[in-house]
């Protein structure tokens, strides 16, 4: 019998819920703290993007707009890194423990997209 050990969320020391084992409808299960952090970051990014749109509408100097775009890209990378970390520590670990080696190919494909 293959049992999956209980995983702990390193940020909250609470039991981390992993991705659903039913691959027909896969879902992630983040702690409320992680989910709120991701949503908060994305809300700030959304505001930054609206701000960039306003800068374009006001004919703001190109270099200033480009710097704001770089800031948004950096913020999105931060969200991606956080999500990737939690994905690897929960979903990927669980699927490997269940004997699903295909998750490694999936992970490599995703990582290649993220680091372009």
PDB file of N, CA and C in Angstrom:
ATOM      1  N   UNK A   1       0.848  -1.186   0.000  1.00  0.00           N
ATOM      2  CA  UNK A   1       0.000   0.000   0.000  1.00  0.00           C
ATOM      3  C   UNK A   1       0.886   1.239   0.000  1.00  0.00           C
ATOM      4  N   UNK A   2       0.642   2.172  -0.926  1.00  0.00           N
ATOM      5  CA  UNK A   2       1.444   3.378  -1.066  1.00  0.00           C
ATOM      6  C   UNK A   2       0.745   4.529  -0.343  1.00  0.00           C
ATOM      7  N   UNK A   3       1.330   5.011   0.735  1.00  0.00           N
ATOM      8  CA  UNK A   3       0.729   6.118   1.467  1.00  0.00           C
ATOM      9  C   UNK A   3       1.505   7.383   1.196  1.00  0.00           C
ATOM     10  N   UNK A   4       0.797   8.491   1.119  1.00  0.00           N
ATOM     11  CA  UNK A   4       1.412   9.791   0.881  1.00  0.00           C
ATOM     12  C   UNK A   4       1.585  10.469   2.225  1.00  0.00           C
ATOM     13  N   UNK A   5       2.828  10.836   2.581  1.00  0.00           N
ATOM     14  CA  UNK A   5       3.027  11.482   3.873  1.00  0.00           C
ATOM     15  C   UNK A   5       2.382  12.863   3.901  1.00  0.00           C
ATOM     16  N   UNK A   6       2.011  13.260   5.083  1.00  0.00           N
ATOM     17  CA  UNK A   6       1.412  14.572   5.267  1.00  0.00           C
ATOM     18  C   UNK A   6       2.461  15.644   4.964  1.00  0.00           C
ATOM     19  N   UNK A   7       2.089  16.628   4.142  1.00  0.00           N
ATOM     20  CA  UNK A   7       3.000  17.710   3.793  1.00  0.00           C
ATOM     21  C   UNK A   7       2.623  18.951   4.579  1.00  0.00           C
ATOM     22  N   UNK A   8       3.631  19.704   4.961  1.00  0.00           N
ATOM     23  CA  UNK A   8       3.398  20.923   5.720  1.00  0.00           C
ATOM     24  C   UNK A   8       3.721  22.125   4.850  1.00  0.00           C
ATOM     25  N   UNK A   9       2.895  23.152   4.927  1.00  0.00           N
ATOM     26  CA  UNK A   9       3.154  24.405   4.232  1.00  0.00           C
ATOM     27  C   UNK A   9       4.274  25.106   4.985  1.00  0.00           C
ATOM     28  N   UNK A  10       5.430  25.385   4.330  1.00  0.00           N
ATOM     29  CA  UNK A  10       6.554  25.976   5.036  1.00  0.00           C
ATOM     30  C   UNK A  10       6.296  27.394   5.533  1.00  0.00           C
ATOM     31  N   UNK A  11       5.315  28.067   4.954  1.00  0.00           N
ATOM     32  CA  UNK A  11       5.037  29.447   5.360  1.00  0.00           C
ATOM     33  C   UNK A  11       4.081  29.544   6.540  1.00  0.00           C
ATOM     34  N   UNK A  12       3.254  28.512   6.716  1.00  0.00           N
ATOM     35  CA  UNK A  12       2.241  28.599   7.770  1.00  0.00           C
ATOM     36  C   UNK A  12       2.362  27.497   8.803  1.00  0.00           C
ATOM     37  N   UNK A  13       3.218  26.509   8.547  1.00  0.00           N
ATOM     38  CA  UNK A  13       3.345  25.323   9.388  1.00  0.00           C
ATOM     39  C   UNK A  13       2.015  24.587   9.546  1.00  0.00           C
ATOM     40  N   UNK A  14       1.125  24.783   8.591  1.00  0.00           N
ATOM     41  CA  UNK A  14      -0.155  24.082   8.591  1.00  0.00           C
ATOM     42  C   UNK A  14      -0.075  22.980   7.542  1.00  0.00           C
ATOM     43  N   UNK A  15      -0.972  22.008   7.667  1.00  0.00           N
ATOM     44  CA  UNK A  15      -0.988  20.936   6.689  1.00  0.00           C
ATOM     45  C   UNK A  15      -1.277  21.527   5.310  1.00  0.00           C
ATOM     46  N   UNK A  16      -0.404  21.213   4.356  1.00  0.00           N
ATOM     47  CA  UNK A  16      -0.580  21.695   2.994  1.00  0.00           C
ATOM     48  C   UNK A  16      -1.423  20.686   2.227  1.00  0.00           C
ATOM     49  N   UNK A  17      -2.409  21.172   1.523  1.00  0.00           N
ATOM     50  CA  UNK A  17      -3.223  20.291   0.703  1.00  0.00           C
ATOM     51  C   UNK A  17      -2.613  20.255  -0.684  1.00  0.00           C
ATOM     52  N   UNK A  18      -2.472  19.091  -1.233  1.00  0.00           N
ATOM     53  CA  UNK A  18      -1.849  18.934  -2.536  1.00  0.00           C
ATOM     54  C   UNK A  18      -2.902  18.952  -3.631  1.00  0.00           C
ATOM     55  N   UNK A  19      -2.410  18.876  -4.850  1.00  0.00           N
ATOM     56  CA  UNK A  19      -3.306  18.848  -6.001  1.00  0.00           C
ATOM     57  C   UNK A  19      -4.150  17.591  -5.981  1.00  0.00           C
ATOM     58  N   UNK A  20      -5.306  17.710  -6.549  1.00  0.00           N
ATOM     59  CA  UNK A  20      -6.232  16.582  -6.609  1.00  0.00           C
ATOM     60  C   UNK A  20      -5.618  15.427  -7.372  1.00  0.00           C
ATOM     61  N   UNK A  21      -5.856  14.231  -6.892  1.00  0.00           N
ATOM     62  CA  UNK A  21      -5.339  13.041  -7.557  1.00  0.00           C
ATOM     63  C   UNK A  21      -6.117  12.676  -8.809  1.00  0.00           C
ATOM     64  N   UNK A  22      -7.318  13.201  -8.983  1.00  0.00           N
ATOM     65  CA  UNK A  22      -8.128  12.926 -10.167  1.00  0.00           C
ATOM     66  C   UNK A  22      -7.638  13.824 -11.291  1.00  0.00           C
ATOM     67  N   UNK A  23      -6.906  13.254 -12.253  1.00  0.00           N
ATOM     68  CA  UNK A  23      -6.279  14.059 -13.297  1.00  0.00           C
ATOM     69  C   UNK A  23      -7.256  14.516 -14.372  1.00  0.00           C
ATOM     70  N   UNK A  24      -8.507  14.034 -14.351  1.00  0.00           N
ATOM     71  CA  UNK A  24      -9.475  14.500 -15.331  1.00  0.00           C
ATOM     72  C   UNK A  24      -9.913  15.934 -15.012  1.00  0.00           C
ATOM     73  N   UNK A  25      -9.908  16.274 -13.756  1.00  0.00           N
ATOM     74  CA  UNK A  25     -10.228  17.651 -13.332  1.00  0.00           C
ATOM     75  C   UNK A  25      -9.251  18.031 -12.228  1.00  0.00           C
ATOM     76  N   UNK A  26      -8.017  18.369 -12.643  1.00  0.00           N
ATOM     77  CA  UNK A  26      -6.985  18.692 -11.664  1.00  0.00           C
ATOM     78  C   UNK A  26      -7.217  20.082 -11.101  1.00  0.00           C
ATOM     79  N   UNK A  27      -7.037  20.194  -9.806  1.00  0.00           N
ATOM     80  CA  UNK A  27      -7.153  21.482  -9.121  1.00  0.00           C
ATOM     81  C   UNK A  27      -6.064  21.556  -8.084  1.00  0.00           C
ATOM     82  N   UNK A  28      -5.613  22.770  -7.814  1.00  0.00           N
ATOM     83  CA  UNK A  28      -4.649  22.944  -6.734  1.00  0.00           C
ATOM     84  C   UNK A  28      -5.412  23.359  -5.485  1.00  0.00           C
ATOM     85  N   UNK A  29      -4.787  23.123  -4.356  1.00  0.00           N
ATOM     86  CA  UNK A  29      -5.401  23.460  -3.082  1.00  0.00           C
ATOM     87  C   UNK A  29      -4.372  24.196  -2.246  1.00  0.00           C
ATOM     88  N   UNK A  30      -4.399  25.513  -2.339  1.00  0.00           N
ATOM     89  CA  UNK A  30      -3.447  26.326  -1.596  1.00  0.00           C
ATOM     90  C   UNK A  30      -4.058  26.697  -0.252  1.00  0.00           C
ATOM     91  N   UNK A  31      -3.190  26.910   0.715  1.00  0.00           N
ATOM     92  CA  UNK A  31      -3.683  27.411   1.989  1.00  0.00           C
ATOM     93  C   UNK A  31      -4.282  28.793   1.740  1.00  0.00           C
ATOM     94  N   UNK A  32      -5.131  29.236   2.648  1.00  0.00           N
ATOM     95  CA  UNK A  32      -5.735  30.564   2.501  1.00  0.00           C
ATOM     96  C   UNK A  32      -4.659  31.641   2.459  1.00  0.00           C
ATOM     97  N   UNK A  33      -3.604  31.459   3.247  1.00  0.00           N
ATOM     98  CA  UNK A  33      -2.527  32.453   3.283  1.00  0.00           C
ATOM     99  C   UNK A  33      -1.838  32.563   1.922  1.00  0.00           C
ATOM    100  N   UNK A  34      -1.524  31.436   1.309  1.00  0.00           N
ATOM    101  CA  UNK A  34      -0.869  31.442  -0.001  1.00  0.00           C
ATOM    102  C   UNK A  34      -1.809  32.014  -1.054  1.00  0.00           C
ATOM    103  N   UNK A  35      -3.059  31.561  -1.049  1.00  0.00           N
ATOM    104  CA  UNK A  35      -4.023  32.052  -2.032  1.00  0.00           C
ATOM    105  C   UNK A  35      -4.203  33.567  -1.901  1.00  0.00           C
ATOM    106  N   UNK A  36      -4.330  34.061  -0.672  1.00  0.00           N
ATOM    107  CA  UNK A  36      -4.487  35.499  -0.459  1.00  0.00           C
ATOM    108  C   UNK A  36      -3.258  36.269  -0.909  1.00  0.00           C
ATOM    109  N   UNK A  37      -2.067  35.700  -0.690  1.00  0.00           N
ATOM    110  CA  UNK A  37      -0.835  36.345  -1.141  1.00  0.00           C
ATOM    111  C   UNK A  37      -0.799  36.438  -2.663  1.00  0.00           C
ATOM    112  N   UNK A  38      -1.145  35.354  -3.339  1.00  0.00           N
ATOM    113  CA  UNK A  38      -1.161  35.360  -4.802  1.00  0.00           C
ATOM    114  C   UNK A  38      -2.176  36.358  -5.335  1.00  0.00           C
ATOM    115  N   UNK A  39      -3.364  36.367  -4.760  1.00  0.00           N
ATOM    116  CA  UNK A  39      -4.418  37.280  -5.217  1.00  0.00           C
ATOM    117  C   UNK A  39      -4.025  38.731  -4.971  1.00  0.00           C
ATOM    118  N   UNK A  40      -3.435  39.001  -3.820  1.00  0.00           N
ATOM    119  CA  UNK A  40      -2.997  40.356  -3.495  1.00  0.00           C
ATOM    120  C   UNK A  40      -1.941  40.842  -4.492  1.00  0.00           C
ATOM    121  N   UNK A  41      -0.983  39.982  -4.773  1.00  0.00           N
ATOM    122  CA  UNK A  41       0.057  40.344  -5.743  1.00  0.00           C
ATOM    123  C   UNK A  41      -0.548  40.609  -7.118  1.00  0.00           C
ATOM    124  N   UNK A  42      -1.477  39.739  -7.537  1.00  0.00           N
ATOM    125  CA  UNK A  42      -2.101  39.920  -8.848  1.00  0.00           C
ATOM    126  C   UNK A  42      -2.959  41.177  -8.903  1.00  0.00           C
ATOM    127  N   UNK A  43      -3.597  41.532  -7.801  1.00  0.00           N
ATOM    128  CA  UNK A  43      -4.373  42.780  -7.762  1.00  0.00           C
ATOM    129  C   UNK A  43      -3.467  43.990  -7.937  1.00  0.00           C
ATOM    130  N   UNK A  44      -2.289  43.959  -7.291  1.00  0.00           N
ATOM    131  CA  UNK A  44      -1.335  45.061  -7.453  1.00  0.00           C
ATOM    132  C   UNK A  44      -0.844  45.139  -8.891  1.00  0.00           C
ATOM    133  N   UNK A  45      -0.566  43.982  -9.480  1.00  0.00           N
ATOM    134  CA  UNK A  45      -0.098  43.949 -10.870  1.00  0.00           C
ATOM    135  C   UNK A  45      -1.178  44.491 -11.798  1.00  0.00           C
ATOM    136  N   UNK A  46      -2.412  44.104 -11.537  1.00  0.00           N
ATOM    137  CA  UNK A  46      -3.525  44.596 -12.349  1.00  0.00           C
ATOM    138  C   UNK A  46      -3.588  46.130 -12.288  1.00  0.00           C
ATOM    139  N   UNK A  47      -3.387  46.679 -11.105  1.00  0.00           N
ATOM    140  CA  UNK A  47      -3.367  48.138 -10.962  1.00  0.00           C
ATOM    141  C   UNK A  47      -2.208  48.761 -11.708  1.00  0.00           C
ATOM    142  N   UNK A  48      -1.045  48.098 -11.664  1.00  0.00           N
ATOM    143  CA  UNK A  48       0.113  48.613 -12.397  1.00  0.00           C
ATOM    144  C   UNK A  48      -0.148  48.618 -13.900  1.00  0.00           C
ATOM    145  N   UNK A  49      -0.797  47.582 -14.412  1.00  0.00           N
ATOM    146  CA  UNK A  49      -1.095  47.512 -15.845  1.00  0.00           C
ATOM    147  C   UNK A  49      -2.068  48.625 -16.237  1.00  0.00           C
ATOM    148  N   UNK A  50      -3.076  48.848 -15.399  1.00  0.00           N
ATOM    149  CA  UNK A  50      -3.995  49.971 -15.684  1.00  0.00           C
ATOM    150  C   UNK A  50      -3.243  51.299 -15.667  1.00  0.00           C
ATOM    151  N   UNK A  51      -2.277  51.417 -14.763  1.00  0.00           N
ATOM    152  CA  UNK A  51      -1.457  52.624 -14.708  1.00  0.00           C
ATOM    153  C   UNK A  51      -0.638  52.810 -15.976  1.00  0.00           C
ATOM    154  N   UNK A  52      -0.112  51.731 -16.504  1.00  0.00           N
ATOM    155  CA  UNK A  52       0.657  51.809 -17.752  1.00  0.00           C
ATOM    156  C   UNK A  52      -0.241  52.248 -18.895  1.00  0.00           C
ATOM    157  N   UNK A  53      -1.443  51.720 -18.923  1.00  0.00           N
ATOM    158  CA  UNK A  53      -2.393  52.135 -19.958  1.00  0.00           C
ATOM    159  C   UNK A  53      -2.628  53.640 -19.873  1.00  0.00           C
ATOM    160  N   UNK A  54      -2.766  54.144 -18.642  1.00  0.00           N
ATOM    161  CA  UNK A  54      -2.952  55.575 -18.454  1.00  0.00           C
ATOM    162  C   UNK A  54      -1.742  56.378 -18.916  1.00  0.00           C
ATOM    163  N   UNK A  55      -0.556  55.842 -18.677  1.00  0.00           N
ATOM    164  CA  UNK A  55       0.656  56.529 -19.134  1.00  0.00           C
ATOM    165  C   UNK A  55       0.687  56.629 -20.655  1.00  0.00           C
ATOM    166  N   UNK A  56       0.280  55.572 -21.321  1.00  0.00           N
ATOM    167  CA  UNK A  56       0.226  55.581 -22.795  1.00  0.00           C
ATOM    168  C   UNK A  56      -0.797  56.610 -23.268  1.00  0.00           C
ATOM    169  N   UNK A  57      -1.965  56.617 -22.614  1.00  0.00           N
ATOM    170  CA  UNK A  57      -3.014  57.570 -23.001  1.00  0.00           C
ATOM    171  C   UNK A  57      -2.563  59.013 -22.809  1.00  0.00           C
ATOM    172  N   UNK A  58      -1.691  59.261 -21.834  1.00  0.00           N
ATOM    173  CA  UNK A  58      -1.192  60.613 -21.548  1.00  0.00           C
ATOM    174  C   UNK A  58       0.075  60.957 -22.311  1.00  0.00           C
ATOM    175  N   UNK A  59       0.481  60.072 -23.234  1.00  0.00           N
ATOM    176  CA  UNK A  59       1.701  60.271 -24.016  1.00  0.00           C
ATOM    177  C   UNK A  59       2.939  60.456 -23.141  1.00  0.00           C
ATOM    178  N   UNK A  60       3.040  59.672 -22.096  1.00  0.00           N
ATOM    179  CA  UNK A  60       4.185  59.722 -21.191  1.00  0.00           C
ATOM    180  C   UNK A  60       5.437  59.270 -21.935  1.00  0.00           C
ATOM    181  N   UNK A  61       6.564  59.834 -21.556  1.00  0.00           N
ATOM    182  CA  UNK A  61       7.849  59.531 -22.158  1.00  0.00           C
ATOM    183  C   UNK A  61       8.074  58.013 -22.177  1.00  0.00           C
ATOM    184  N   UNK A  62       8.503  57.505 -23.329  1.00  0.00           N
ATOM    185  CA  UNK A  62       8.615  56.052 -23.546  1.00  0.00           C
ATOM    186  C   UNK A  62       9.462  55.357 -22.492  1.00  0.00           C
ATOM    187  N   UNK A  63      10.591  55.927 -22.108  1.00  0.00           N
ATOM    188  CA  UNK A  63      11.468  55.278 -21.143  1.00  0.00           C
ATOM    189  C   UNK A  63      10.765  55.073 -19.805  1.00  0.00           C
ATOM    190  N   UNK A  64       9.955  56.033 -19.406  1.00  0.00           N
ATOM    191  CA  UNK A  64       9.201  55.889 -18.158  1.00  0.00           C
ATOM    192  C   UNK A  64       8.191  54.740 -18.250  1.00  0.00           C
ATOM    193  N   UNK A  65       7.538  54.614 -19.386  1.00  0.00           N
ATOM    194  CA  UNK A  65       6.569  53.535 -19.594  1.00  0.00           C
ATOM    195  C   UNK A  65       7.292  52.193 -19.605  1.00  0.00           C
ATOM    196  N   UNK A  66       8.417  52.124 -20.301  1.00  0.00           N
ATOM    197  CA  UNK A  66       9.178  50.878 -20.375  1.00  0.00           C
ATOM    198  C   UNK A  66       9.647  50.427 -18.993  1.00  0.00           C
ATOM    199  N   UNK A  67      10.023  51.378 -18.146  1.00  0.00           N
ATOM    200  CA  UNK A  67      10.418  51.021 -16.783  1.00  0.00           C
ATOM    201  C   UNK A  67       9.243  50.454 -15.993  1.00  0.00           C
ATOM    202  N   UNK A  68       8.066  50.990 -16.210  1.00  0.00           N
ATOM    203  CA  UNK A  68       6.881  50.455 -15.544  1.00  0.00           C
ATOM    204  C   UNK A  68       6.537  49.051 -16.059  1.00  0.00           C
ATOM    205  N   UNK A  69       6.738  48.841 -17.356  1.00  0.00           N
ATOM    206  CA  UNK A  69       6.514  47.508 -17.928  1.00  0.00           C
ATOM    207  C   UNK A  69       7.491  46.509 -17.320  1.00  0.00           C
ATOM    208  N   UNK A  70       8.750  46.899 -17.166  1.00  0.00           N
ATOM    209  CA  UNK A  70       9.745  46.020 -16.543  1.00  0.00           C
ATOM    210  C   UNK A  70       9.340  45.680 -15.113  1.00  0.00           C
ATOM    211  N   UNK A  71       8.775  46.648 -14.416  1.00  0.00           N
ATOM    212  CA  UNK A  71       8.327  46.419 -13.045  1.00  0.00           C
ATOM    213  C   UNK A  71       7.195  45.391 -12.997  1.00  0.00           C
ATOM    214  N   UNK A  72       6.259  45.476 -13.926  1.00  0.00           N
ATOM    215  CA  UNK A  72       5.147  44.522 -13.994  1.00  0.00           C
ATOM    216  C   UNK A  72       5.666  43.122 -14.328  1.00  0.00           C
ATOM    217  N   UNK A  73       6.602  43.047 -15.269  1.00  0.00           N
ATOM    218  CA  UNK A  73       7.168  41.749 -15.627  1.00  0.00           C
ATOM    219  C   UNK A  73       7.861  41.111 -14.432  1.00  0.00           C
ATOM    220  N   UNK A  74       8.579  41.910 -13.668  1.00  0.00           N
ATOM    221  CA  UNK A  74       9.253  41.407 -12.475  1.00  0.00           C
ATOM    222  C   UNK A  74       8.239  40.914 -11.444  1.00  0.00           C
ATOM    223  N   UNK A  75       7.171  41.659 -11.264  1.00  0.00           N
ATOM    224  CA  UNK A  75       6.133  41.267 -10.307  1.00  0.00           C
ATOM    225  C   UNK A  75       5.461  39.970 -10.743  1.00  0.00           C
ATOM    226  N   UNK A  76       5.189  39.815 -12.042  1.00  0.00           N
ATOM    227  CA  UNK A  76       4.604  38.574 -12.549  1.00  0.00           C
ATOM    228  C   UNK A  76       5.562  37.399 -12.351  1.00  0.00           C
ATOM    229  N   UNK A  77       6.852  37.637 -12.556  1.00  0.00           N
ATOM    230  CA  UNK A  77       7.837  36.587 -12.308  1.00  0.00           C
ATOM    231  C   UNK A  77       7.806  36.150 -10.846  1.00  0.00           C
ATOM    232  N   UNK A  78       7.620  37.105  -9.940  1.00  0.00           N
ATOM    233  CA  UNK A  78       7.528  36.787  -8.519  1.00  0.00           C
ATOM    234  C   UNK A  78       6.330  35.897  -8.214  1.00  0.00           C
ATOM    235  N   UNK A  79       5.199  36.186  -8.835  1.00  0.00           N
ATOM    236  CA  UNK A  79       4.009  35.352  -8.657  1.00  0.00           C
ATOM    237  C   UNK A  79       4.275  33.955  -9.211  1.00  0.00           C
ATOM    238  N   UNK A  80       4.904  33.898 -10.373  1.00  0.00           N
ATOM    239  CA  UNK A  80       5.224  32.618 -10.978  1.00  0.00           C
ATOM    240  C   UNK A  80       6.158  31.787 -10.116  1.00  0.00           C
ATOM    241  N   UNK A  81       7.163  32.423  -9.532  1.00  0.00           N
ATOM    242  CA  UNK A  81       8.104  31.705  -8.668  1.00  0.00           C
ATOM    243  C   UNK A  81       7.405  31.151  -7.429  1.00  0.00           C
ATOM    244  N   UNK A  82       6.557  31.954  -6.831  1.00  0.00           N
ATOM    245  CA  UNK A  82       5.836  31.509  -5.636  1.00  0.00           C
ATOM    246  C   UNK A  82       4.916  30.333  -5.965  1.00  0.00           C
ATOM    247  N   UNK A  83       4.187  30.453  -7.056  1.00  0.00           N
ATOM    248  CA  UNK A  83       3.282  29.384  -7.457  1.00  0.00           C
ATOM    249  C   UNK A  83       4.053  28.118  -7.824  1.00  0.00           C
ATOM    250  N   UNK A  84       5.175  28.275  -8.530  1.00  0.00           N
ATOM    251  CA  UNK A  84       5.997  27.129  -8.899  1.00  0.00           C
ATOM    252  C   UNK A  84       6.542  26.425  -7.655  1.00  0.00           C
ATOM    253  N   UNK A  85       6.997  27.191  -6.688  1.00  0.00           N
ATOM    254  CA  UNK A  85       7.514  26.604  -5.451  1.00  0.00           C
ATOM    255  C   UNK A  85       6.453  25.745  -4.768  1.00  0.00           C
ATOM    256  N   UNK A  86       5.264  26.276  -4.621  1.00  0.00           N
ATOM    257  CA  UNK A  86       4.196  25.531  -3.957  1.00  0.00           C
ATOM    258  C   UNK A  86       3.750  24.332  -4.796  1.00  0.00           C
ATOM    259  N   UNK A  87       3.751  24.492  -6.102  1.00  0.00           N
ATOM    260  CA  UNK A  87       3.389  23.384  -6.987  1.00  0.00           C
ATOM    261  C   UNK A  87       4.378  22.233  -6.826  1.00  0.00           C
ATOM    262  N   UNK A  88       5.662  22.560  -6.807  1.00  0.00           N
ATOM    263  CA  UNK A  88       6.682  21.522  -6.692  1.00  0.00           C
ATOM    264  C   UNK A  88       6.638  20.835  -5.326  1.00  0.00           C
ATOM    265  N   UNK A  89       6.395  21.598  -4.266  1.00  0.00           N
ATOM    266  CA  UNK A  89       6.406  21.041  -2.915  1.00  0.00           C
ATOM    267  C   UNK A  89       5.144  20.254  -2.589  1.00  0.00           C
ATOM    268  N   UNK A  90       4.096  20.429  -3.369  1.00  0.00           N
ATOM    269  CA  UNK A  90       2.863  19.709  -3.065  1.00  0.00           C
ATOM    270  C   UNK A  90       2.459  18.809  -4.231  1.00  0.00           C
ATOM    271  N   UNK A  91       1.973  19.379  -5.293  1.00  0.00           N
ATOM    272  CA  UNK A  91       1.425  18.600  -6.407  1.00  0.00           C
ATOM    273  C   UNK A  91       2.451  17.644  -7.005  1.00  0.00           C
ATOM    274  N   UNK A  92       3.630  18.157  -7.321  1.00  0.00           N
ATOM    275  CA  UNK A  92       4.641  17.330  -7.980  1.00  0.00           C
ATOM    276  C   UNK A  92       5.099  16.205  -7.058  1.00  0.00           C
ATOM    277  N   UNK A  93       5.391  16.531  -5.810  1.00  0.00           N
ATOM    278  CA  UNK A  93       5.825  15.519  -4.850  1.00  0.00           C
ATOM    279  C   UNK A  93       4.755  14.447  -4.701  1.00  0.00           C
ATOM    280  N   UNK A  94       3.510  14.850  -4.550  1.00  0.00           N
ATOM    281  CA  UNK A  94       2.428  13.879  -4.378  1.00  0.00           C
ATOM    282  C   UNK A  94       2.319  12.964  -5.586  1.00  0.00           C
ATOM    283  N   UNK A  95       2.350  13.533  -6.773  1.00  0.00           N
ATOM    284  CA  UNK A  95       2.188  12.710  -7.974  1.00  0.00           C
ATOM    285  C   UNK A  95       3.357  11.741  -8.158  1.00  0.00           C
ATOM    286  N   UNK A  96       4.567  12.160  -7.827  1.00  0.00           N
ATOM    287  CA  UNK A  96       5.715  11.253  -7.909  1.00  0.00           C
ATOM    288  C   UNK A  96       5.551  10.124  -6.905  1.00  0.00           C
ATOM    289  N   UNK A  97       5.113  10.459  -5.701  1.00  0.00           N
ATOM    290  CA  UNK A  97       4.903   9.430  -4.676  1.00  0.00           C
ATOM    291  C   UNK A  97       3.815   8.451  -5.074  1.00  0.00           C
ATOM    292  N   UNK A  98       2.883   8.905  -5.903  1.00  0.00           N
ATOM    293  CA  UNK A  98       1.824   8.030  -6.410  1.00  0.00           C
ATOM    294  C   UNK A  98       2.290   7.225  -7.618  1.00  0.00           C
ATOM    295  N   UNK A  99       3.547   7.432  -8.033  1.00  0.00           N
ATOM    296  CA  UNK A  99       4.105   6.699  -9.163  1.00  0.00           C
ATOM    297  C   UNK A  99       3.906   7.358 -10.510  1.00  0.00           C
ATOM    298  N   UNK A 100       3.414   8.581 -10.535  1.00  0.00           N
ATOM    299  CA  UNK A 100       3.150   9.300 -11.787  1.00  0.00           C
ATOM    300  C   UNK A 100       4.408  10.062 -12.198  1.00  0.00           C
ATOM    301  N   UNK A 101       5.205   9.460 -13.070  1.00  0.00           N
ATOM    302  CA  UNK A 101       6.440  10.103 -13.533  1.00  0.00           C
ATOM    303  C   UNK A 101       6.181  11.127 -14.646  1.00  0.00           C
ATOM    304  N   UNK A 102       4.996  11.092 -15.247  1.00  0.00           N
ATOM    305  CA  UNK A 102       4.662  12.055 -16.304  1.00  0.00           C
ATOM    306  C   UNK A 102       4.679  13.482 -15.793  1.00  0.00           C
ATOM    307  N   UNK A 103       4.521  13.650 -14.494  1.00  0.00           N
ATOM    308  CA  UNK A 103       4.512  14.988 -13.919  1.00  0.00           C
ATOM    309  C   UNK A 103       5.851  15.694 -14.150  1.00  0.00           C
ATOM    310  N   UNK A 104       6.931  14.935 -14.265  1.00  0.00           N
ATOM    311  CA  UNK A 104       8.240  15.548 -14.505  1.00  0.00           C
ATOM    312  C   UNK A 104       8.309  16.182 -15.893  1.00  0.00           C
ATOM    313  N   UNK A 105       7.763  15.508 -16.895  1.00  0.00           N
ATOM    314  CA  UNK A 105       7.717  16.073 -18.241  1.00  0.00           C
ATOM    315  C   UNK A 105       6.850  17.329 -18.253  1.00  0.00           C
ATOM    316  N   UNK A 106       5.716  17.244 -17.579  1.00  0.00           N
ATOM    317  CA  UNK A 106       4.816  18.397 -17.472  1.00  0.00           C
ATOM    318  C   UNK A 106       5.527  19.569 -16.803  1.00  0.00           C
ATOM    319  N   UNK A 107       6.246  19.289 -15.724  1.00  0.00           N
ATOM    320  CA  UNK A 107       6.964  20.330 -14.988  1.00  0.00           C
ATOM    321  C   UNK A 107       8.049  20.966 -15.857  1.00  0.00           C
ATOM    322  N   UNK A 108       8.815  20.149 -16.578  1.00  0.00           N
ATOM    323  CA  UNK A 108       9.875  20.689 -17.427  1.00  0.00           C
ATOM    324  C   UNK A 108       9.308  21.563 -18.542  1.00  0.00           C
ATOM    325  N   UNK A 109       8.188  21.161 -19.124  1.00  0.00           N
ATOM    326  CA  UNK A 109       7.542  21.960 -20.159  1.00  0.00           C
ATOM    327  C   UNK A 109       7.126  23.317 -19.592  1.00  0.00           C
ATOM    328  N   UNK A 110       6.538  23.294 -18.423  1.00  0.00           N
ATOM    329  CA  UNK A 110       6.105  24.540 -17.775  1.00  0.00           C
ATOM    330  C   UNK A 110       7.287  25.423 -17.439  1.00  0.00           C
ATOM    331  N   UNK A 111       8.335  24.834 -16.869  1.00  0.00           N
ATOM    332  CA  UNK A 111       9.518  25.623 -16.507  1.00  0.00           C
ATOM    333  C   UNK A 111      10.173  26.247 -17.731  1.00  0.00           C
ATOM    334  N   UNK A 112      10.208  25.518 -18.849  1.00  0.00           N
ATOM    335  CA  UNK A 112      10.760  26.086 -20.073  1.00  0.00           C
ATOM    336  C   UNK A 112       9.970  27.292 -20.552  1.00  0.00           C
ATOM    337  N   UNK A 113       8.660  27.267 -20.356  1.00  0.00           N
ATOM    338  CA  UNK A 113       7.829  28.415 -20.715  1.00  0.00           C
ATOM    339  C   UNK A 113       8.103  29.596 -19.789  1.00  0.00           C
ATOM    340  N   UNK A 114       8.322  29.300 -18.512  1.00  0.00           N
ATOM    341  CA  UNK A 114       8.541  30.372 -17.537  1.00  0.00           C
ATOM    342  C   UNK A 114       9.892  31.070 -17.703  1.00  0.00           C
ATOM    343  N   UNK A 115      10.897  30.328 -18.157  1.00  0.00           N
ATOM    344  CA  UNK A 115      12.242  30.923 -18.222  1.00  0.00           C
ATOM    345  C   UNK A 115      12.643  31.391 -19.603  1.00  0.00           C
ATOM    346  N   UNK A 116      11.694  31.513 -20.501  1.00  0.00           N
ATOM    347  CA  UNK A 116      11.994  32.043 -21.855  1.00  0.00           C
ATOM    348  C   UNK A 116      12.516  33.438 -21.769  1.00  0.00           C
TER     349      UNK A 116
END
